[in-house]
Amino acid sequence: MSEPLIVTIPHRLGKAEAARRIKDGIARAKTEFAYLLRIENDAWEGDRLSFAASALGQRAHGVIDVYEGAVRLEVTLPWLLARFAHAVQRVIGQRGQLMLEKK
């Protein structure tokens, strides 16, 4: 079992707007990246999204917690995907920051 990948992204949107953008982003990812990534079992409970995802034949699971001033993603990657954790962390941070920028 690998260490969890944790990404925290600060924002100034407030909890409700950040959650709305994450919901929209997940919906887009399901279609835009369907050839590479499959997101399944995504369920909101309060301000926490629990999910499972699969890529390259590997399955991962995690949570996204939405706070008033930040979003925290924690995902446990299988060994194959964990080898790409640093690159994945950077991409998630960059994409997440773009999604949560105040507009």
N, C-alpha and C. Protein backbone atom coordinates (compact mmCIF):
# COMPACT_ATOMS: atom_id res chain seq x y z
N MET A 1 0.85 -1.18 0.00
CA MET A 1 0.00 0.00 0.00
C MET A 1 0.89 1.23 0.00
N SER A 2 0.56 2.19 -0.83
CA SER A 2 1.37 3.40 -0.93
C SER A 2 0.84 4.49 -0.01
N GLU A 3 1.67 5.50 0.16
CA GLU A 3 1.28 6.68 0.92
C GLU A 3 0.19 7.42 0.15
N PRO A 4 -0.72 8.07 0.86
CA PRO A 4 -1.74 8.84 0.12
C PRO A 4 -1.12 10.09 -0.51
N LEU A 5 -1.64 10.46 -1.64
CA LEU A 5 -1.27 11.69 -2.32
C LEU A 5 -2.21 12.76 -1.78
N ILE A 6 -1.64 13.86 -1.27
CA ILE A 6 -2.45 14.93 -0.69
C ILE A 6 -2.13 16.23 -1.39
N VAL A 7 -3.18 16.91 -1.84
CA VAL A 7 -3.03 18.21 -2.48
C VAL A 7 -4.02 19.16 -1.80
N THR A 8 -3.52 20.29 -1.32
CA THR A 8 -4.38 21.31 -0.73
C THR A 8 -4.31 22.55 -1.62
N ILE A 9 -5.47 23.04 -2.01
CA ILE A 9 -5.55 24.19 -2.90
C ILE A 9 -6.33 25.30 -2.20
N PRO A 10 -5.66 26.41 -1.92
CA PRO A 10 -6.39 27.52 -1.29
C PRO A 10 -7.31 28.22 -2.29
N HIS A 11 -8.37 28.83 -1.78
CA HIS A 11 -9.28 29.58 -2.64
C HIS A 11 -9.95 30.68 -1.83
N ARG A 12 -10.62 31.58 -2.54
CA ARG A 12 -11.37 32.67 -1.88
C ARG A 12 -12.81 32.69 -2.37
N LEU A 13 -13.34 31.54 -2.64
CA LEU A 13 -14.68 31.44 -3.22
C LEU A 13 -15.77 31.21 -2.19
N GLY A 14 -15.41 30.73 -1.04
CA GLY A 14 -16.40 30.24 -0.09
C GLY A 14 -16.70 28.78 -0.39
N LYS A 15 -17.24 28.12 0.59
CA LYS A 15 -17.48 26.68 0.50
C LYS A 15 -18.45 26.30 -0.61
N ALA A 16 -19.58 27.00 -0.69
CA ALA A 16 -20.63 26.63 -1.66
C ALA A 16 -20.15 26.76 -3.10
N GLU A 17 -19.49 27.86 -3.43
CA GLU A 17 -19.01 28.07 -4.81
C GLU A 17 -17.90 27.09 -5.15
N ALA A 18 -17.01 26.84 -4.21
CA ALA A 18 -15.93 25.87 -4.46
C ALA A 18 -16.51 24.48 -4.72
N ALA A 19 -17.50 24.08 -3.92
CA ALA A 19 -18.14 22.77 -4.12
C ALA A 19 -18.84 22.71 -5.48
N ARG A 20 -19.51 23.79 -5.86
CA ARG A 20 -20.19 23.81 -7.16
C ARG A 20 -19.19 23.63 -8.30
N ARG A 21 -18.05 24.30 -8.21
CA ARG A 21 -17.04 24.19 -9.26
C ARG A 21 -16.42 22.79 -9.29
N ILE A 22 -16.26 22.19 -8.14
CA ILE A 22 -15.73 20.82 -8.10
C ILE A 22 -16.73 19.86 -8.74
N LYS A 23 -18.00 20.02 -8.43
CA LYS A 23 -19.04 19.17 -9.04
C LYS A 23 -19.02 19.31 -10.56
N ASP A 24 -18.92 20.56 -11.03
CA ASP A 24 -18.85 20.79 -12.47
C ASP A 24 -17.58 20.17 -13.06
N GLY A 25 -16.47 20.32 -12.37
CA GLY A 25 -15.20 19.77 -12.84
C GLY A 25 -15.21 18.25 -12.92
N ILE A 26 -15.82 17.60 -11.94
CA ILE A 26 -15.93 16.14 -11.95
C ILE A 26 -16.78 15.70 -13.13
N ALA A 27 -17.89 16.39 -13.34
CA ALA A 27 -18.77 16.06 -14.48
C ALA A 27 -18.03 16.20 -15.80
N ARG A 28 -17.24 17.28 -15.95
CA ARG A 28 -16.45 17.47 -17.19
C ARG A 28 -15.38 16.40 -17.33
N ALA A 29 -14.71 16.07 -16.23
CA ALA A 29 -13.64 15.06 -16.28
C ALA A 29 -14.19 13.70 -16.73
N LYS A 30 -15.40 13.39 -16.33
CA LYS A 30 -16.01 12.10 -16.71
C LYS A 30 -16.15 11.98 -18.22
N THR A 31 -16.34 13.10 -18.91
CA THR A 31 -16.48 13.04 -20.36
C THR A 31 -15.17 13.37 -21.07
N GLU A 32 -14.49 14.42 -20.67
CA GLU A 32 -13.26 14.85 -21.34
C GLU A 32 -12.12 13.84 -21.23
N PHE A 33 -12.03 13.16 -20.10
CA PHE A 33 -10.92 12.23 -19.88
C PHE A 33 -11.38 10.77 -19.83
N ALA A 34 -12.56 10.50 -20.38
CA ALA A 34 -13.12 9.14 -20.33
C ALA A 34 -12.20 8.11 -20.98
N TYR A 35 -11.41 8.53 -21.96
CA TYR A 35 -10.50 7.61 -22.64
C TYR A 35 -9.34 7.18 -21.73
N LEU A 36 -9.06 7.93 -20.67
CA LEU A 36 -7.91 7.69 -19.81
C LEU A 36 -8.30 7.39 -18.37
N LEU A 37 -9.32 8.07 -17.89
CA LEU A 37 -9.67 8.04 -16.48
C LEU A 37 -11.16 7.76 -16.33
N ARG A 38 -11.50 6.87 -15.42
CA ARG A 38 -12.90 6.58 -15.14
C ARG A 38 -13.17 6.91 -13.67
N ILE A 39 -14.09 7.83 -13.43
CA ILE A 39 -14.47 8.20 -12.07
C ILE A 39 -15.79 7.52 -11.77
N GLU A 40 -15.81 6.81 -10.67
CA GLU A 40 -17.01 6.05 -10.31
C GLU A 40 -17.25 6.16 -8.81
N ASN A 41 -18.41 5.77 -8.39
CA ASN A 41 -18.77 5.78 -6.97
C ASN A 41 -18.53 7.13 -6.33
N ASP A 42 -18.77 8.22 -7.05
CA ASP A 42 -18.59 9.54 -6.46
C ASP A 42 -19.86 9.93 -5.72
N ALA A 43 -19.71 10.23 -4.44
CA ALA A 43 -20.86 10.55 -3.61
C ALA A 43 -20.50 11.66 -2.63
N TRP A 44 -21.36 12.67 -2.57
CA TRP A 44 -21.18 13.78 -1.63
C TRP A 44 -21.90 13.46 -0.33
N GLU A 45 -21.23 13.76 0.76
CA GLU A 45 -21.82 13.70 2.10
C GLU A 45 -21.39 14.98 2.80
N GLY A 46 -22.29 15.94 2.85
CA GLY A 46 -21.93 17.25 3.39
C GLY A 46 -20.92 17.92 2.47
N ASP A 47 -19.80 18.31 3.01
CA ASP A 47 -18.74 18.99 2.26
C ASP A 47 -17.63 18.05 1.83
N ARG A 48 -17.91 16.76 1.81
CA ARG A 48 -16.90 15.75 1.45
C ARG A 48 -17.38 14.91 0.28
N LEU A 49 -16.53 14.81 -0.74
CA LEU A 49 -16.79 13.95 -1.88
C LEU A 49 -15.90 12.71 -1.74
N SER A 50 -16.50 11.54 -1.69
CA SER A 50 -15.76 10.29 -1.71
C SER A 50 -15.87 9.73 -3.12
N PHE A 51 -14.79 9.14 -3.61
CA PHE A 51 -14.81 8.64 -4.98
C PHE A 51 -13.84 7.48 -5.16
N ALA A 52 -14.05 6.78 -6.26
CA ALA A 52 -13.12 5.77 -6.74
C ALA A 52 -12.84 6.13 -8.19
N ALA A 53 -11.64 5.84 -8.64
CA ALA A 53 -11.27 6.13 -10.02
C ALA A 53 -10.35 5.03 -10.51
N SER A 54 -10.34 4.85 -11.82
CA SER A 54 -9.42 3.86 -12.38
C SER A 54 -8.75 4.46 -13.62
N ALA A 55 -7.48 4.12 -13.76
CA ALA A 55 -6.68 4.56 -14.91
C ALA A 55 -5.59 3.53 -15.12
N LEU A 56 -5.28 3.26 -16.37
CA LEU A 56 -4.23 2.29 -16.71
C LEU A 56 -4.47 0.94 -16.04
N GLY A 57 -5.75 0.58 -15.90
CA GLY A 57 -6.08 -0.70 -15.28
C GLY A 57 -5.87 -0.73 -13.78
N GLN A 58 -5.60 0.41 -13.17
CA GLN A 58 -5.36 0.51 -11.74
C GLN A 58 -6.50 1.28 -11.10
N ARG A 59 -6.86 0.91 -9.88
CA ARG A 59 -7.97 1.55 -9.17
C ARG A 59 -7.45 2.35 -7.97
N ALA A 60 -7.97 3.55 -7.81
CA ALA A 60 -7.61 4.42 -6.68
C ALA A 60 -8.89 4.88 -6.00
N HIS A 61 -8.76 5.31 -4.76
CA HIS A 61 -9.91 5.86 -4.05
C HIS A 61 -9.45 7.05 -3.22
N GLY A 62 -10.39 7.96 -2.98
CA GLY A 62 -10.00 9.13 -2.22
C GLY A 62 -11.19 9.98 -1.80
N VAL A 63 -10.85 11.13 -1.22
CA VAL A 63 -11.85 12.08 -0.77
C VAL A 63 -11.40 13.49 -1.14
N ILE A 64 -12.38 14.35 -1.33
CA ILE A 64 -12.13 15.78 -1.49
C ILE A 64 -12.95 16.47 -0.41
N ASP A 65 -12.26 17.23 0.45
CA ASP A 65 -12.92 18.00 1.49
C ASP A 65 -12.92 19.46 1.08
N VAL A 66 -14.08 20.09 1.15
CA VAL A 66 -14.22 21.50 0.78
C VAL A 66 -14.35 22.31 2.06
N TYR A 67 -13.42 23.24 2.24
CA TYR A 67 -13.44 24.16 3.38
C TYR A 67 -13.71 25.57 2.87
N GLU A 68 -13.97 26.46 3.78
CA GLU A 68 -14.27 27.85 3.43
C GLU A 68 -13.15 28.49 2.62
N GLY A 69 -11.89 28.18 2.92
CA GLY A 69 -10.77 28.82 2.24
C GLY A 69 -9.81 27.87 1.54
N ALA A 70 -10.16 26.60 1.44
CA ALA A 70 -9.26 25.64 0.78
C ALA A 70 -10.04 24.38 0.41
N VAL A 71 -9.46 23.64 -0.51
CA VAL A 71 -9.96 22.32 -0.90
C VAL A 71 -8.80 21.35 -0.68
N ARG A 72 -9.09 20.22 -0.07
CA ARG A 72 -8.05 19.22 0.20
C ARG A 72 -8.44 17.90 -0.46
N LEU A 73 -7.56 17.42 -1.32
CA LEU A 73 -7.74 16.14 -2.00
C LEU A 73 -6.78 15.14 -1.37
N GLU A 74 -7.30 13.99 -0.99
CA GLU A 74 -6.46 12.89 -0.51
C GLU A 74 -6.85 11.65 -1.28
N VAL A 75 -5.90 11.07 -1.97
CA VAL A 75 -6.18 9.88 -2.78
C VAL A 75 -5.07 8.85 -2.56
N THR A 76 -5.48 7.62 -2.39
CA THR A 76 -4.54 6.52 -2.23
C THR A 76 -4.39 5.84 -3.59
N LEU A 77 -3.17 5.86 -4.09
CA LEU A 77 -2.88 5.33 -5.42
C LEU A 77 -2.29 3.92 -5.32
N PRO A 78 -2.63 3.04 -6.24
CA PRO A 78 -1.98 1.73 -6.29
C PRO A 78 -0.52 1.92 -6.73
N TRP A 79 0.28 0.90 -6.55
CA TRP A 79 1.73 1.03 -6.75
C TRP A 79 2.11 1.57 -8.12
N LEU A 80 1.43 1.14 -9.18
CA LEU A 80 1.79 1.60 -10.52
C LEU A 80 1.55 3.10 -10.68
N LEU A 81 0.39 3.57 -10.25
CA LEU A 81 0.09 4.99 -10.35
C LEU A 81 0.91 5.82 -9.36
N ALA A 82 1.28 5.23 -8.23
CA ALA A 82 2.08 5.94 -7.24
C ALA A 82 3.44 6.34 -7.82
N ARG A 83 3.92 5.62 -8.79
CA ARG A 83 5.20 5.96 -9.43
C ARG A 83 5.12 7.31 -10.14
N PHE A 84 3.90 7.73 -10.50
CA PHE A 84 3.69 9.00 -11.18
C PHE A 84 3.14 10.06 -10.23
N ALA A 85 3.19 9.81 -8.93
CA ALA A 85 2.54 10.67 -7.94
C ALA A 85 3.02 12.12 -8.01
N HIS A 86 4.30 12.35 -8.18
CA HIS A 86 4.81 13.72 -8.20
C HIS A 86 4.22 14.50 -9.37
N ALA A 87 4.21 13.90 -10.54
CA ALA A 87 3.64 14.56 -11.72
C ALA A 87 2.13 14.76 -11.55
N VAL A 88 1.46 13.75 -11.02
CA VAL A 88 0.02 13.84 -10.80
C VAL A 88 -0.29 14.95 -9.81
N GLN A 89 0.49 15.05 -8.75
CA GLN A 89 0.28 16.08 -7.74
C GLN A 89 0.41 17.47 -8.35
N ARG A 90 1.40 17.66 -9.19
CA ARG A 90 1.61 18.96 -9.83
C ARG A 90 0.44 19.31 -10.76
N VAL A 91 0.01 18.35 -11.57
CA VAL A 91 -1.10 18.59 -12.51
C VAL A 91 -2.39 18.88 -11.76
N ILE A 92 -2.68 18.10 -10.73
CA ILE A 92 -3.90 18.33 -9.94
C ILE A 92 -3.86 19.71 -9.30
N GLY A 93 -2.72 20.08 -8.77
CA GLY A 93 -2.58 21.41 -8.16
C GLY A 93 -2.81 22.52 -9.16
N GLN A 94 -2.23 22.39 -10.35
CA GLN A 94 -2.39 23.43 -11.38
C GLN A 94 -3.82 23.50 -11.88
N ARG A 95 -4.41 22.36 -12.20
CA ARG A 95 -5.80 22.34 -12.71
C ARG A 95 -6.78 22.80 -11.65
N GLY A 96 -6.54 22.35 -10.42
CA GLY A 96 -7.41 22.75 -9.32
C GLY A 96 -7.35 24.25 -9.07
N GLN A 97 -6.16 24.81 -9.12
CA GLN A 97 -6.00 26.26 -8.93
C GLN A 97 -6.75 27.04 -9.99
N LEU A 98 -6.66 26.58 -11.24
CA LEU A 98 -7.40 27.23 -12.33
C LEU A 98 -8.91 27.16 -12.10
N MET A 99 -9.38 26.00 -11.66
CA MET A 99 -10.80 25.80 -11.45
C MET A 99 -11.32 26.66 -10.28
N LEU A 100 -10.47 26.89 -9.29
CA LEU A 100 -10.91 27.61 -8.09
C LEU A 100 -10.51 29.08 -8.07
N GLU A 101 -9.95 29.59 -9.17
CA GLU A 101 -9.63 31.01 -9.23
C GLU A 101 -10.92 31.82 -9.21
N LYS A 102 -10.86 32.92 -8.51
CA LYS A 102 -12.05 33.80 -8.45
C LYS A 102 -12.23 34.48 -9.80
N LYS A 103 -13.43 34.42 -10.35
CA LYS A 103 -13.70 35.01 -11.66
C LYS A 103 -14.85 35.96 -11.57
